[in-house]
Amino acid sequence: MSIERDFVGYGATPPVFDWPGGNRLAINLVVNYEEGSEYSYAFGDDRQEHLGEWGVKQFPPGVRNLANESFFEYGARVGFWRLLDLFERHGVAATFGVCAVALERNPAAARAIVAAGHEVNAHGYRWEEHFAMEREVERERIRLAVESIRQTTGQRPFGWYCRTAPSVHTRELLVEEGGFVYDSDAYNDDVPYFVDVQGQRHVVVPYTGDVNDSHYWAAHGYETDFVTYLKDSFDVLYEESRRWPRMMSVGLHMRMAGRPGRIKAVDEFIRHAKARSGVTFMTRLDIATSFAAAMDQRA
């Protein structure tokens, strides 16, 4: 499958519309639920995750990194509940991008996400690289992810996001699977857009690599760095939203932002955003469906 590159996009004339409630800036908090699906010798994998709280630590082949395993465990055991509580206190809905196997290992978390009214989208069957999969293998992994999430949460996912990058087949396979409203396997805009996939209109809700707590681990950043970047990103988008609608994605991980000293950044950012008018917190599914409805009204 050929993936055409688009360097034009909306250009100087982005679409003008309102998010629900007459708002112009939609914020989406994305919690990447990966803990319990990472590569691990304990799971029978032939490799293990090397990036952790202390940077990249290469262990001898076959030797378990028990410290890094426990960093991941913290996310599911503690960080998840801390973030869930924060969202409840602020009354905001988030999107939990879940690796299906991770929720299988923590059914209580699966129930809590749904009970709190958050969106569940698919972040893969495992936290694995789809760009390296053969087409039919990837098709089966997508199917397994959908069925597993349906079993643990009682509902199927309507959105998709791969680890690192999709394959050239991913979007086509999602449409063939059916039921997916959008994917977030792109980083190329500040509002959603449509793509044609096998003659079907498909929504892309772009994600972000910069407004993302993964930099805590990748660059050893700290709470004050993250909250400054969150606020600065928000302030620019908020000013632009006076002319055009804008969307801001905030990428979070339970083992990172779920730590006591780091969740303060998320808390302070939410307070900063909620103090402004014309701002709404939305799930990615609500963003996708609201965008499609607004575009249909303009047609």
Protein backbone atom coordinates (compact mmCIF):
# COMPACT_ATOMS: atom_id res chain seq x y z
CA MET A 1 0.00 0.00 0.00
CA SER A 2 1.32 3.43 -0.93
CA ILE A 3 1.09 6.19 1.67
CA GLU A 4 1.04 9.61 0.05
CA ARG A 5 2.83 12.38 1.91
CA ASP A 6 0.96 15.67 2.30
CA PHE A 7 2.99 18.81 2.97
CA VAL A 8 0.04 21.18 2.35
CA GLY A 9 -2.78 20.19 4.69
CA TYR A 10 -5.20 22.99 5.42
CA GLY A 11 -2.60 25.61 4.55
CA ALA A 12 -3.55 29.21 5.32
CA THR A 13 -7.25 28.40 5.56
CA PRO A 14 -7.94 25.88 8.36
CA PRO A 15 -11.62 24.97 8.74
CA VAL A 16 -13.59 27.25 11.01
CA PHE A 17 -16.03 25.59 13.39
CA ASP A 18 -16.78 25.34 17.10
CA TRP A 19 -16.24 22.40 19.37
CA PRO A 20 -19.35 21.47 21.40
CA GLY A 21 -20.57 24.25 23.66
CA GLY A 22 -19.17 26.96 21.39
CA ASN A 23 -15.61 26.21 22.52
CA ARG A 24 -12.59 26.76 20.28
CA LEU A 25 -9.83 24.76 21.98
CA ALA A 26 -10.29 21.07 22.72
CA ILE A 27 -7.86 19.42 25.13
CA ASN A 28 -7.41 15.68 25.19
CA LEU A 29 -5.54 13.94 27.99
CA VAL A 30 -4.21 10.61 26.72
CA VAL A 31 -3.07 7.99 29.22
CA ASN A 32 -1.00 5.32 27.50
CA TYR A 33 -1.72 2.15 29.46
CA GLU A 34 1.28 -0.02 28.55
CA GLU A 35 2.32 -1.51 31.88
CA GLY A 36 1.91 -5.28 31.73
CA SER A 37 2.29 -5.55 27.95
CA GLU A 38 5.91 -4.45 27.55
CA TYR A 39 8.58 -6.89 26.35
CA SER A 40 9.70 -8.98 29.30
CA TYR A 41 11.54 -12.25 29.84
CA ALA A 42 8.96 -12.88 32.55
CA PHE A 43 6.28 -13.01 29.82
CA GLY A 44 8.29 -15.44 27.70
CA ASP A 45 9.58 -12.80 25.27
CA ASP A 46 13.04 -13.06 23.72
CA ARG A 47 13.88 -9.50 24.82
CA GLN A 48 12.97 -6.99 27.53
CA GLU A 49 12.40 -3.25 27.74
CA HIS A 50 15.64 -1.36 28.37
CA LEU A 51 14.38 2.22 28.83
CA GLY A 52 13.43 2.99 32.40
CA GLU A 53 13.64 5.47 35.24
CA TRP A 54 17.45 5.31 35.16
CA GLY A 55 17.76 5.66 31.41
CA VAL A 56 18.76 2.82 29.10
CA LYS A 57 20.27 -0.09 31.01
CA GLN A 58 21.40 -3.00 28.84
CA PHE A 59 21.44 -6.28 30.74
CA PRO A 60 23.15 -9.50 29.56
CA PRO A 61 20.89 -11.56 27.28
CA GLY A 62 18.42 -13.62 29.26
CA VAL A 63 19.01 -11.77 32.54
CA ARG A 64 15.85 -10.10 33.87
CA ASN A 65 16.02 -6.42 34.79
CA LEU A 66 13.92 -6.66 37.93
CA ALA A 67 14.32 -2.96 38.70
CA ASN A 68 12.83 -1.91 35.38
CA GLU A 69 10.06 -4.48 35.74
CA SER A 70 9.11 -2.84 39.02
CA PHE A 71 9.09 0.64 37.46
CA PHE A 72 6.46 -0.61 35.01
CA GLU A 73 4.52 -2.31 37.80
CA TYR A 74 4.32 0.98 39.69
CA GLY A 75 2.35 2.50 36.84
CA ALA A 76 -0.42 -0.09 37.06
CA ARG A 77 -0.35 -0.52 40.82
CA VAL A 78 -0.23 3.15 41.86
CA GLY A 79 0.15 5.66 39.01
CA PHE A 80 -3.07 4.59 37.32
CA TRP A 81 -5.17 5.22 40.41
CA ARG A 82 -3.48 8.53 41.11
CA LEU A 83 -4.26 9.81 37.61
CA LEU A 84 -7.80 8.46 37.75
CA ASP A 85 -8.35 10.33 41.01
CA LEU A 86 -6.92 13.54 39.53
CA PHE A 87 -9.31 13.40 36.57
CA GLU A 88 -12.24 12.79 38.89
CA ARG A 89 -11.35 15.76 41.09
CA HIS A 90 -11.20 18.02 38.05
CA GLY A 91 -14.24 16.51 36.37
CA VAL A 92 -12.46 15.88 33.06
CA ALA A 93 -12.80 12.95 30.68
CA ALA A 94 -9.64 11.37 29.30
CA THR A 95 -8.70 8.80 26.69
CA PHE A 96 -6.96 5.66 27.90
CA GLY A 97 -4.95 4.17 25.07
CA VAL A 98 -4.70 0.62 26.31
CA CYS A 99 -2.54 -2.28 25.27
CA ALA A 100 -5.04 -5.09 25.46
CA VAL A 101 -2.88 -7.57 27.35
CA ALA A 102 -2.08 -4.93 29.98
CA LEU A 103 -5.77 -4.65 30.90
CA GLU A 104 -6.08 -8.42 30.97
CA ARG A 105 -3.53 -8.33 33.80
CA ASN A 106 -5.47 -5.66 35.74
CA PRO A 107 -9.23 -6.20 35.33
CA ALA A 108 -10.00 -3.77 38.16
CA ALA A 109 -8.40 -0.96 36.16
CA ALA A 110 -10.46 -1.90 33.10
CA ARG A 111 -13.66 -1.66 35.12
CA ALA A 112 -12.60 1.63 36.72
CA ILE A 113 -11.86 3.32 33.39
CA VAL A 114 -15.31 2.49 32.04
CA ALA A 115 -17.11 3.32 35.31
CA ALA A 116 -15.50 6.78 35.32
CA GLY A 117 -16.73 7.50 31.79
CA HIS A 118 -13.34 7.66 30.10
CA GLU A 119 -12.72 6.51 26.54
CA VAL A 120 -10.84 3.30 25.85
CA ASN A 121 -8.94 3.21 22.58
CA ALA A 122 -6.59 0.53 21.32
CA HIS A 123 -2.83 0.94 21.72
CA GLY A 124 -2.18 -2.52 20.33
CA TYR A 125 -2.58 -6.06 21.59
CA ARG A 126 0.87 -5.79 23.16
CA TRP A 127 3.13 -2.74 23.35
CA GLU A 128 4.80 -3.83 20.13
CA GLU A 129 6.02 -2.44 16.83
CA HIS A 130 3.43 -2.71 14.08
CA PHE A 131 5.78 -1.26 11.49
CA ALA A 132 7.83 -4.48 11.70
CA MET A 133 4.89 -6.87 11.21
CA GLU A 134 3.88 -8.74 8.11
CA ARG A 135 0.46 -7.67 6.86
CA GLU A 136 -1.49 -10.75 7.95
CA VAL A 137 0.26 -10.87 11.31
CA GLU A 138 -0.73 -7.25 11.89
CA ARG A 139 -4.31 -7.97 10.86
CA GLU A 140 -4.51 -10.70 13.49
CA ARG A 141 -2.98 -8.49 16.20
CA ILE A 142 -5.56 -5.79 15.52
CA ARG A 143 -8.34 -8.36 15.74
CA LEU A 144 -6.95 -9.76 18.99
CA ALA A 145 -6.72 -6.25 20.47
CA VAL A 146 -10.35 -5.49 19.67
CA GLU A 147 -11.64 -8.76 21.10
CA SER A 148 -9.50 -8.58 24.24
CA ILE A 149 -10.56 -5.00 25.02
CA ARG A 150 -14.18 -5.95 24.41
CA GLN A 151 -13.82 -8.74 26.97
CA THR A 152 -12.12 -6.66 29.67
CA THR A 153 -14.15 -3.46 29.33
CA GLY A 154 -17.45 -4.62 27.87
CA GLN A 155 -17.05 -2.35 24.85
CA ARG A 156 -14.99 -2.29 21.69
CA PRO A 157 -12.44 0.46 20.97
CA PHE A 158 -13.31 3.02 18.28
CA GLY A 159 -9.85 4.57 18.06
CA TRP A 160 -6.36 3.22 17.41
CA TYR A 161 -2.78 4.29 18.07
CA CYS A 162 0.36 2.21 17.44
CA ARG A 163 3.58 2.08 19.41
CA THR A 164 6.15 4.41 17.78
CA ALA A 165 4.81 4.22 14.21
CA PRO A 166 2.26 2.29 12.15
CA SER A 167 3.04 0.14 9.14
CA VAL A 168 2.02 1.14 5.63
CA HIS A 169 -0.88 -1.31 6.04
CA THR A 170 -2.21 -0.27 9.45
CA ARG A 171 -4.83 2.25 8.40
CA GLU A 172 -6.17 0.01 5.66
CA LEU A 173 -6.38 -2.92 8.07
CA LEU A 174 -8.29 -0.81 10.60
CA VAL A 175 -10.88 0.06 7.98
CA GLU A 176 -11.11 -3.57 6.88
CA GLU A 177 -11.58 -4.67 10.50
CA GLY A 178 -14.52 -2.29 10.76
CA GLY A 179 -15.81 -0.31 13.70
CA PHE A 180 -12.91 2.12 13.99
CA VAL A 181 -13.94 5.77 13.80
CA TYR A 182 -10.43 7.24 13.86
CA ASP A 183 -6.75 6.59 14.33
CA SER A 184 -4.05 8.76 15.85
CA ASP A 185 -1.04 7.42 13.95
CA ALA A 186 0.04 10.87 12.79
CA TYR A 187 1.70 13.95 14.26
CA ASN A 188 1.13 16.39 11.43
CA ASP A 189 -1.62 18.84 12.43
CA ASP A 190 -3.37 20.66 15.26
CA VAL A 191 -6.88 19.63 14.19
CA PRO A 192 -8.32 16.40 12.78
CA TYR A 193 -8.60 15.72 9.08
CA PHE A 194 -10.08 13.17 6.70
CA VAL A 195 -8.27 10.59 4.61
CA ASP A 196 -9.69 8.27 1.99
CA VAL A 197 -9.05 4.61 2.77
CA GLN A 198 -10.35 2.17 0.18
CA GLY A 199 -13.09 4.60 -0.77
CA GLN A 200 -14.14 5.20 2.83
CA ARG A 201 -13.83 8.47 4.73
CA HIS A 202 -11.65 7.97 7.78
CA VAL A 203 -10.81 10.50 10.51
CA VAL A 204 -7.25 11.09 11.69
CA VAL A 205 -6.93 12.72 15.11
CA PRO A 206 -3.23 13.68 15.21
CA TYR A 207 -1.21 12.91 18.32
CA THR A 208 1.86 14.63 19.79
CA GLY A 209 5.42 13.70 20.57
CA ASP A 210 6.38 16.94 22.26
CA VAL A 211 3.60 17.55 24.80
CA ASN A 212 4.35 14.18 26.27
CA ASP A 213 5.68 13.04 29.62
CA SER A 214 7.91 10.46 27.90
CA HIS A 215 10.57 13.16 27.97
CA TYR A 216 10.85 12.52 31.69
CA TRP A 217 12.60 9.28 30.81
CA ALA A 218 14.11 10.19 27.47
CA ALA A 219 15.73 13.43 28.64
CA HIS A 220 15.46 13.21 32.43
CA GLY A 221 13.14 16.21 32.59
CA TYR A 222 11.43 17.30 35.80
CA GLU A 223 8.03 18.53 36.85
CA THR A 224 8.81 22.21 36.42
CA ASP A 225 10.06 21.67 32.85
CA PHE A 226 6.93 19.77 31.87
CA VAL A 227 4.40 22.16 33.36
CA THR A 228 6.11 25.11 31.65
CA TYR A 229 5.95 23.36 28.29
CA LEU A 230 2.33 22.37 28.86
CA LYS A 231 1.34 25.94 29.67
CA ASP A 232 3.36 27.45 26.83
CA SER A 233 1.78 25.06 24.31
CA PHE A 234 -1.67 25.80 25.66
CA ASP A 235 -1.16 29.58 25.58
CA VAL A 236 -0.13 29.60 21.91
CA LEU A 237 -2.99 27.33 20.86
CA TYR A 238 -5.44 29.32 22.95
CA GLU A 239 -4.45 32.55 21.21
CA GLU A 240 -4.69 30.88 17.79
CA SER A 241 -8.11 29.46 18.66
CA ARG A 242 -9.53 32.99 18.51
CA ARG A 243 -9.25 32.61 14.70
CA TRP A 244 -9.44 28.85 14.14
CA PRO A 245 -10.42 25.86 16.24
CA ARG A 246 -7.49 24.05 17.79
CA MET A 247 -6.82 20.75 19.52
CA MET A 248 -4.18 19.99 22.15
CA SER A 249 -3.12 16.43 22.95
CA VAL A 250 -1.30 15.72 26.21
CA GLY A 251 0.47 12.36 26.29
CA LEU A 252 0.76 10.73 29.72
CA HIS A 253 2.10 7.44 31.07
CA MET A 254 1.14 6.01 34.44
CA ARG A 255 4.70 5.05 35.38
CA MET A 256 5.87 8.57 34.55
CA ALA A 257 3.22 11.23 35.24
CA GLY A 258 1.69 8.98 37.89
CA ARG A 259 4.61 9.64 40.23
CA PRO A 260 3.91 12.03 43.16
CA GLY A 261 6.37 14.71 42.10
CA ARG A 262 5.26 14.67 38.48
CA ILE A 263 1.49 14.57 38.73
CA LYS A 264 1.70 18.11 40.10
CA ALA A 265 2.54 19.24 36.56
CA VAL A 266 -0.64 17.68 35.18
CA ASP A 267 -2.71 19.08 38.03
CA GLU A 268 -1.34 22.60 37.57
CA PHE A 269 -1.87 22.44 33.81
CA ILE A 270 -5.50 21.37 34.12
CA ARG A 271 -6.11 24.24 36.53
CA HIS A 272 -4.42 26.65 34.10
CA ALA A 273 -6.57 25.47 31.18
CA LYS A 274 -9.87 25.39 33.08
CA ALA A 275 -9.38 29.01 34.15
CA ARG A 276 -9.85 30.12 30.51
CA SER A 277 -13.12 30.46 28.63
CA GLY A 278 -13.68 28.70 25.32
CA VAL A 279 -11.76 25.59 26.41
CA THR A 280 -13.17 22.09 26.71
CA PHE A 281 -11.70 18.74 27.72
CA MET A 282 -12.77 15.99 25.32
CA THR A 283 -11.97 12.38 24.55
CA ARG A 284 -10.42 11.57 21.20
CA LEU A 285 -13.58 9.80 20.10
CA ASP A 286 -15.66 12.89 20.89
CA ILE A 287 -13.14 15.03 19.01
CA ALA A 288 -13.34 12.73 15.97
CA THR A 289 -17.13 12.59 15.89
CA SER A 290 -17.56 16.32 16.60
CA PHE A 291 -15.12 17.18 13.83
CA ALA A 292 -16.90 14.93 11.32
CA ALA A 293 -20.30 16.38 12.25
CA ALA A 294 -19.00 19.95 11.92
CA MET A 295 -17.52 19.23 8.49
CA ASP A 296 -20.78 17.63 7.34
CA GLN A 297 -22.65 20.75 8.39
CA ARG A 298 -20.29 22.90 6.32
CA ALA A 299 -20.70 20.74 3.23
